Amino acid sequence: KRAFIFVGRMIQKKGISCLAQAYRLYRSRVADPWSLVCYGRGPLGEMLENEPGVTVDGFVQPDQLPSKMANAACLVLPSVFEPWALVVQEAAAAGLLILASSAVGAVPHLVQDNYNGFVFDANDVEGLSRLMERVSLMSDAKLNSMAGASSSLARQFTPSRWADTLLEHAESARLGN
C-alpha cells in the first residue's frame, strides 16, 4: 500500500510535467522510494512512461477506481487548473492522504495540511518532491491517522447535502439573489 497514485487526463492543466519532474527528484532523494501508479490517458502520458518506479495503466472505469485506490496510500494531484476534482473527494472517501496543488477547487474543503494531506503551489516541483518525501517517510501510525482524517472529511459530502445545496442555489436564482 505504500504507493502514490495519480488519476486524471495526461494533459498540461493536470500538471503532468510537474509530476514527472517531482517524482524523479523524489526518487533521487530517498533510499526506498514508493512507486507511482498513474491512471489516465492523454498526449503527455509519455512524460511518465519509462520513468523508473512509474506505472502508467491507462484509463480506469469509475467502478474500478476504489480497488485501484486500495493499492495506494496517497493521491497526488498537481493540477494547474482544476475547478473541483472529484478524484480528490473519491480519494478522501477511500482513506488516502492527498497531495494537491492550491489550484484544485476541492482543496479548501477536503485537504488540510498535516491532517489528511498537504497543499503545494501549482508547478512547484521542489515543493511537491519534498512532500512526497515527507509522506513516504511517515510511520504507519501517522499514515493511518491521516487516512482516517481523509475519510472523515469526505463524509461531509453526502448526496442529500449536494441535493440541498443545489435546491438552495436554484431557489436563490429564482428569487434573483
C-alpha atoms as a PDB file:
ATOM      1  CA  LYS A   1       0.000   0.000   0.000  1.00  0.00           C
ATOM      2  CA  ARG A   2       2.990   2.331   0.187  1.00  0.00           C
ATOM      3  CA  ALA A   3       2.467   3.860  -3.245  1.00  0.00           C
ATOM      4  CA  PHE A   4       1.447   7.150  -4.811  1.00  0.00           C
ATOM      5  CA  ILE A   5      -1.440   7.292  -7.273  1.00  0.00           C
ATOM      6  CA  PHE A   6      -2.404   9.820  -9.933  1.00  0.00           C
ATOM      7  CA  VAL A   7      -5.791   9.655 -11.626  1.00  0.00           C
ATOM      8  CA  GLY A   8      -6.604  12.024 -14.458  1.00  0.00           C
ATOM      9  CA  ARG A   9      -6.096  13.037 -18.037  1.00  0.00           C
ATOM     10  CA  MET A  10      -2.495  13.322 -19.123  1.00  0.00           C
ATOM     11  CA  ILE A  11      -2.709  16.957 -20.192  1.00  0.00           C
ATOM     12  CA  GLN A  12      -0.902  20.189 -19.323  1.00  0.00           C
ATOM     13  CA  LYS A  13      -3.519  21.567 -16.916  1.00  0.00           C
ATOM     14  CA  LYS A  14      -3.217  18.417 -14.774  1.00  0.00           C
ATOM     15  CA  GLY A  15       0.421  19.274 -14.013  1.00  0.00           C
ATOM     16  CA  ILE A  16       1.900  16.174 -15.652  1.00  0.00           C
ATOM     17  CA  SER A  17       5.280  17.825 -16.256  1.00  0.00           C
ATOM     18  CA  CYS A  18       5.469  18.866 -12.602  1.00  0.00           C
ATOM     19  CA  LEU A  19       4.510  15.361 -11.502  1.00  0.00           C
ATOM     20  CA  ALA A  20       7.168  13.710 -13.670  1.00  0.00           C
ATOM     21  CA  GLN A  21       9.927  16.083 -12.534  1.00  0.00           C
ATOM     22  CA  ALA A  22       8.924  15.963  -8.866  1.00  0.00           C
ATOM     23  CA  TYR A  23       8.751  12.178  -8.818  1.00  0.00           C
ATOM     24  CA  ARG A  24      12.166  11.896 -10.477  1.00  0.00           C
ATOM     25  CA  LEU A  25      13.635  14.305  -7.905  1.00  0.00           C
ATOM     26  CA  TYR A  26      11.909  12.469  -5.045  1.00  0.00           C
ATOM     27  CA  ARG A  27      13.348   9.110  -6.200  1.00  0.00           C
ATOM     28  CA  SER A  28      16.850  10.607  -6.223  1.00  0.00           C
ATOM     29  CA  ARG A  29      16.494  11.658  -2.570  1.00  0.00           C
ATOM     30  CA  VAL A  30      15.159   8.586  -0.778  1.00  0.00           C
ATOM     31  CA  ALA A  31      16.659   5.149  -0.294  1.00  0.00           C
ATOM     32  CA  ASP A  32      13.401   3.216  -0.689  1.00  0.00           C
ATOM     33  CA  PRO A  33      11.047   5.277  -2.886  1.00  0.00           C
ATOM     34  CA  TRP A  34       7.375   4.494  -3.275  1.00  0.00           C
ATOM     35  CA  SER A  35       6.083   3.627  -6.713  1.00  0.00           C
ATOM     36  CA  LEU A  36       3.823   5.983  -8.650  1.00  0.00           C
ATOM     37  CA  VAL A  37       0.856   4.395 -10.416  1.00  0.00           C
ATOM     38  CA  CYS A  38      -0.902   6.606 -12.953  1.00  0.00           C
ATOM     39  CA  TYR A  39      -4.363   6.020 -14.386  1.00  0.00           C
ATOM     40  CA  GLY A  40      -5.360   8.091 -17.382  1.00  0.00           C
ATOM     41  CA  ARG A  41      -4.624   8.817 -20.996  1.00  0.00           C
ATOM     42  CA  GLY A  42      -3.526  11.826 -22.933  1.00  0.00           C
ATOM     43  CA  PRO A  43      -0.793  13.389 -25.030  1.00  0.00           C
ATOM     44  CA  LEU A  44       1.570  13.944 -22.077  1.00  0.00           C
ATOM     45  CA  GLY A  45       1.462  10.360 -20.854  1.00  0.00           C
ATOM     46  CA  GLU A  46       4.825   9.776 -22.487  1.00  0.00           C
ATOM     47  CA  MET A  47       6.401  12.063 -19.854  1.00  0.00           C
ATOM     48  CA  LEU A  48       5.665   9.385 -17.266  1.00  0.00           C
ATOM     49  CA  GLU A  49       6.118   6.238 -19.329  1.00  0.00           C
ATOM     50  CA  ASN A  50       9.533   4.589 -18.981  1.00  0.00           C
ATOM     51  CA  GLU A  51      10.298   6.541 -15.803  1.00  0.00           C
ATOM     52  CA  PRO A  52      11.781   4.262 -13.125  1.00  0.00           C
ATOM     53  CA  GLY A  53       9.173   3.476 -10.469  1.00  0.00           C
ATOM     54  CA  VAL A  54       6.249   4.734 -12.576  1.00  0.00           C
ATOM     55  CA  THR A  55       3.481   2.565 -13.996  1.00  0.00           C
ATOM     56  CA  VAL A  56       1.029   4.095 -16.464  1.00  0.00           C
ATOM     57  CA  ASP A  57      -2.067   1.905 -16.630  1.00  0.00           C
ATOM     58  CA  GLY A  58      -4.350   3.994 -18.828  1.00  0.00           C
ATOM     59  CA  PHE A  59      -7.976   4.848 -18.240  1.00  0.00           C
ATOM     60  CA  VAL A  60      -9.784   3.140 -15.374  1.00  0.00           C
ATOM     61  CA  GLN A  61     -13.560   2.742 -15.261  1.00  0.00           C
ATOM     62  CA  PRO A  62     -15.167   4.583 -12.316  1.00  0.00           C
ATOM     63  CA  ASP A  63     -16.448   1.353 -10.767  1.00  0.00           C
ATOM     64  CA  GLN A  64     -12.856   0.002 -10.697  1.00  0.00           C
ATOM     65  CA  LEU A  65     -11.349   3.101  -9.086  1.00  0.00           C
ATOM     66  CA  PRO A  66     -11.941   2.076  -5.446  1.00  0.00           C
ATOM     67  CA  SER A  67      -9.961  -1.149  -5.914  1.00  0.00           C
ATOM     68  CA  LYS A  68      -7.135   0.782  -7.597  1.00  0.00           C
ATOM     69  CA  MET A  69      -7.069   3.324  -4.761  1.00  0.00           C
ATOM     70  CA  ALA A  70      -6.964   0.483  -2.227  1.00  0.00           C
ATOM     71  CA  ASN A  71      -3.473  -0.298  -3.542  1.00  0.00           C
ATOM     72  CA  ALA A  72      -2.112   3.174  -2.753  1.00  0.00           C
ATOM     73  CA  ALA A  73      -1.595   5.360   0.269  1.00  0.00           C
ATOM     74  CA  CYS A  74      -1.514   8.825  -1.286  1.00  0.00           C
ATOM     75  CA  LEU A  75      -3.178  10.631  -4.184  1.00  0.00           C
ATOM     76  CA  VAL A  76      -1.017  13.183  -5.990  1.00  0.00           C
ATOM     77  CA  LEU A  77      -2.830  15.861  -7.996  1.00  0.00           C
ATOM     78  CA  PRO A  78      -0.523  18.654  -9.211  1.00  0.00           C
ATOM     79  CA  SER A  79      -3.122  20.412 -11.387  1.00  0.00           C
ATOM     80  CA  VAL A  80      -2.522  23.903 -12.704  1.00  0.00           C
ATOM     81  CA  PHE A  81      -6.287  24.454 -13.084  1.00  0.00           C
ATOM     82  CA  GLU A  82      -9.000  22.280 -11.547  1.00  0.00           C
ATOM     83  CA  PRO A  83     -12.455  23.690 -10.712  1.00  0.00           C
ATOM     84  CA  TRP A  84     -13.303  20.868  -8.258  1.00  0.00           C
ATOM     85  CA  ALA A  85     -11.555  17.493  -8.879  1.00  0.00           C
ATOM     86  CA  LEU A  86     -13.938  14.711  -7.965  1.00  0.00           C
ATOM     87  CA  VAL A  87     -10.916  12.422  -7.676  1.00  0.00           C
ATOM     88  CA  VAL A  88      -9.903  14.286  -4.501  1.00  0.00           C
ATOM     89  CA  GLN A  89     -13.281  13.527  -2.968  1.00  0.00           C
ATOM     90  CA  GLU A  90     -13.022   9.896  -4.094  1.00  0.00           C
ATOM     91  CA  ALA A  91      -9.505   9.592  -2.665  1.00  0.00           C
ATOM     92  CA  ALA A  92     -10.586  11.101   0.647  1.00  0.00           C
ATOM     93  CA  ALA A  93     -13.517   8.680   0.813  1.00  0.00           C
ATOM     94  CA  ALA A  94     -11.074   5.832   0.112  1.00  0.00           C
ATOM     95  CA  GLY A  95      -8.926   6.950   3.032  1.00  0.00           C
ATOM     96  CA  LEU A  96      -5.931   8.209   1.062  1.00  0.00           C
ATOM     97  CA  LEU A  97      -3.616  11.009   2.040  1.00  0.00           C
ATOM     98  CA  ILE A  98      -3.802  13.769  -0.523  1.00  0.00           C
ATOM     99  CA  LEU A  99      -1.096  15.922  -2.065  1.00  0.00           C
ATOM    100  CA  ALA A 100      -2.856  18.539  -4.169  1.00  0.00           C
ATOM    101  CA  SER A 101      -1.932  21.868  -5.652  1.00  0.00           C
ATOM    102  CA  SER A 102      -3.631  25.018  -4.435  1.00  0.00           C
ATOM    103  CA  ALA A 103      -5.228  25.266  -7.904  1.00  0.00           C
ATOM    104  CA  VAL A 104      -7.553  22.340  -7.094  1.00  0.00           C
ATOM    105  CA  GLY A 105     -11.021  23.622  -6.189  1.00  0.00           C
ATOM    106  CA  ALA A 106     -11.742  20.817  -3.716  1.00  0.00           C
ATOM    107  CA  VAL A 107      -8.672  21.616  -1.605  1.00  0.00           C
ATOM    108  CA  PRO A 108     -10.274  24.077   0.849  1.00  0.00           C
ATOM    109  CA  HIS A 109     -12.945  21.504   1.653  1.00  0.00           C
ATOM    110  CA  LEU A 110     -11.044  18.220   1.510  1.00  0.00           C
ATOM    111  CA  VAL A 111      -7.341  18.783   2.210  1.00  0.00           C
ATOM    112  CA  GLN A 112      -5.981  20.156   5.460  1.00  0.00           C
ATOM    113  CA  ASP A 113      -2.220  20.460   5.852  1.00  0.00           C
ATOM    114  CA  ASN A 114      -0.745  17.823   8.135  1.00  0.00           C
ATOM    115  CA  TYR A 115      -4.240  16.496   8.954  1.00  0.00           C
ATOM    116  CA  ASN A 116      -5.049  14.421   5.875  1.00  0.00           C
ATOM    117  CA  GLY A 117      -2.556  15.692   3.332  1.00  0.00           C
ATOM    118  CA  PHE A 118      -0.636  18.693   2.116  1.00  0.00           C
ATOM    119  CA  VAL A 119      -1.179  21.557  -0.316  1.00  0.00           C
ATOM    120  CA  PHE A 120       1.546  22.957  -2.543  1.00  0.00           C
ATOM    121  CA  ASP A 121       1.720  25.678  -5.186  1.00  0.00           C
ATOM    122  CA  ALA A 122       0.946  24.615  -8.756  1.00  0.00           C
ATOM    123  CA  ASN A 123       4.118  23.974 -10.781  1.00  0.00           C
ATOM    124  CA  ASP A 124       6.243  23.783  -7.607  1.00  0.00           C
ATOM    125  CA  VAL A 125       8.401  20.778  -8.494  1.00  0.00           C
ATOM    126  CA  GLU A 126      10.650  21.157  -5.452  1.00  0.00           C
ATOM    127  CA  GLY A 127       7.702  21.574  -3.077  1.00  0.00           C
ATOM    128  CA  LEU A 128       5.882  18.521  -4.430  1.00  0.00           C
ATOM    129  CA  SER A 129       9.063  16.453  -4.333  1.00  0.00           C
ATOM    130  CA  ARG A 130       9.668  17.363  -0.674  1.00  0.00           C
ATOM    131  CA  LEU A 131       6.065  16.495   0.222  1.00  0.00           C
ATOM    132  CA  MET A 132       6.349  13.112  -1.497  1.00  0.00           C
ATOM    133  CA  GLU A 133       9.497  12.512   0.527  1.00  0.00           C
ATOM    134  CA  ARG A 134       7.778  13.598   3.743  1.00  0.00           C
ATOM    135  CA  VAL A 135       4.790  11.306   3.170  1.00  0.00           C
ATOM    136  CA  SER A 136       6.897   8.295   2.195  1.00  0.00           C
ATOM    137  CA  LEU A 137       8.971   8.608   5.360  1.00  0.00           C
ATOM    138  CA  MET A 138       5.944   8.728   7.701  1.00  0.00           C
ATOM    139  CA  SER A 139       5.346   5.981  10.199  1.00  0.00           C
ATOM    140  CA  ASP A 140       2.475   3.565   9.696  1.00  0.00           C
ATOM    141  CA  ALA A 141       0.714   5.163  12.660  1.00  0.00           C
ATOM    142  CA  LYS A 142       0.897   8.636  11.089  1.00  0.00           C
ATOM    143  CA  LEU A 143      -0.205   7.324   7.684  1.00  0.00           C
ATOM    144  CA  ASN A 144      -3.181   5.548   9.284  1.00  0.00           C
ATOM    145  CA  SER A 145      -4.140   8.625  11.283  1.00  0.00           C
ATOM    146  CA  MET A 146      -4.107  10.829   8.188  1.00  0.00           C
ATOM    147  CA  ALA A 147      -6.042   8.200   6.210  1.00  0.00           C
ATOM    148  CA  GLY A 148      -8.765   8.260   8.863  1.00  0.00           C
ATOM    149  CA  ALA A 149      -8.830  12.043   8.708  1.00  0.00           C
ATOM    150  CA  SER A 150      -9.406  11.902   4.943  1.00  0.00           C
ATOM    151  CA  SER A 151     -12.357   9.561   5.393  1.00  0.00           C
ATOM    152  CA  SER A 152     -13.812  11.896   7.999  1.00  0.00           C
ATOM    153  CA  LEU A 153     -13.548  14.938   5.721  1.00  0.00           C
ATOM    154  CA  ALA A 154     -15.132  13.039   2.820  1.00  0.00           C
ATOM    155  CA  ARG A 155     -18.213  12.159   4.867  1.00  0.00           C
ATOM    156  CA  GLN A 156     -19.312  15.803   4.898  1.00  0.00           C
ATOM    157  CA  PHE A 157     -20.350  15.496   1.241  1.00  0.00           C
ATOM    158  CA  THR A 158     -23.428  13.306   1.182  1.00  0.00           C
ATOM    159  CA  PRO A 159     -25.911  13.026  -1.703  1.00  0.00           C
ATOM    160  CA  SER A 160     -28.589  14.731   0.401  1.00  0.00           C
ATOM    161  CA  ARG A 161     -26.260  17.636   1.206  1.00  0.00           C
ATOM    162  CA  TRP A 162     -25.465  18.073  -2.504  1.00  0.00           C
ATOM    163  CA  ALA A 163     -29.182  17.997  -3.325  1.00  0.00           C
ATOM    164  CA  ASP A 164     -29.970  20.572  -0.620  1.00  0.00           C
ATOM    165  CA  THR A 165     -27.212  22.855  -1.921  1.00  0.00           C
ATOM    166  CA  LEU A 166     -28.485  22.541  -5.488  1.00  0.00           C
ATOM    167  CA  LEU A 167     -32.038  23.343  -4.394  1.00  0.00           C
ATOM    168  CA  GLU A 168     -30.853  26.350  -2.380  1.00  0.00           C
ATOM    169  CA  HIS A 169     -28.982  27.726  -5.411  1.00  0.00           C
ATOM    170  CA  ALA A 170     -31.981  27.126  -7.671  1.00  0.00           C
ATOM    171  CA  GLU A 171     -34.276  28.923  -5.229  1.00  0.00           C
ATOM    172  CA  SER A 172     -31.818  31.798  -4.901  1.00  0.00           C
ATOM    173  CA  ALA A 173     -31.625  32.127  -8.700  1.00  0.00           C
ATOM    174  CA  ARG A 174     -35.427  32.023  -8.949  1.00  0.00           C
ATOM    175  CA  LEU A 175     -35.683  34.855  -6.431  1.00  0.00           C
ATOM    176  CA  GLY A 176     -32.999  36.841  -8.256  1.00  0.00           C
ATOM    177  CA  ASN A 177     -30.472  36.789  -5.407  1.00  0.00           C
END
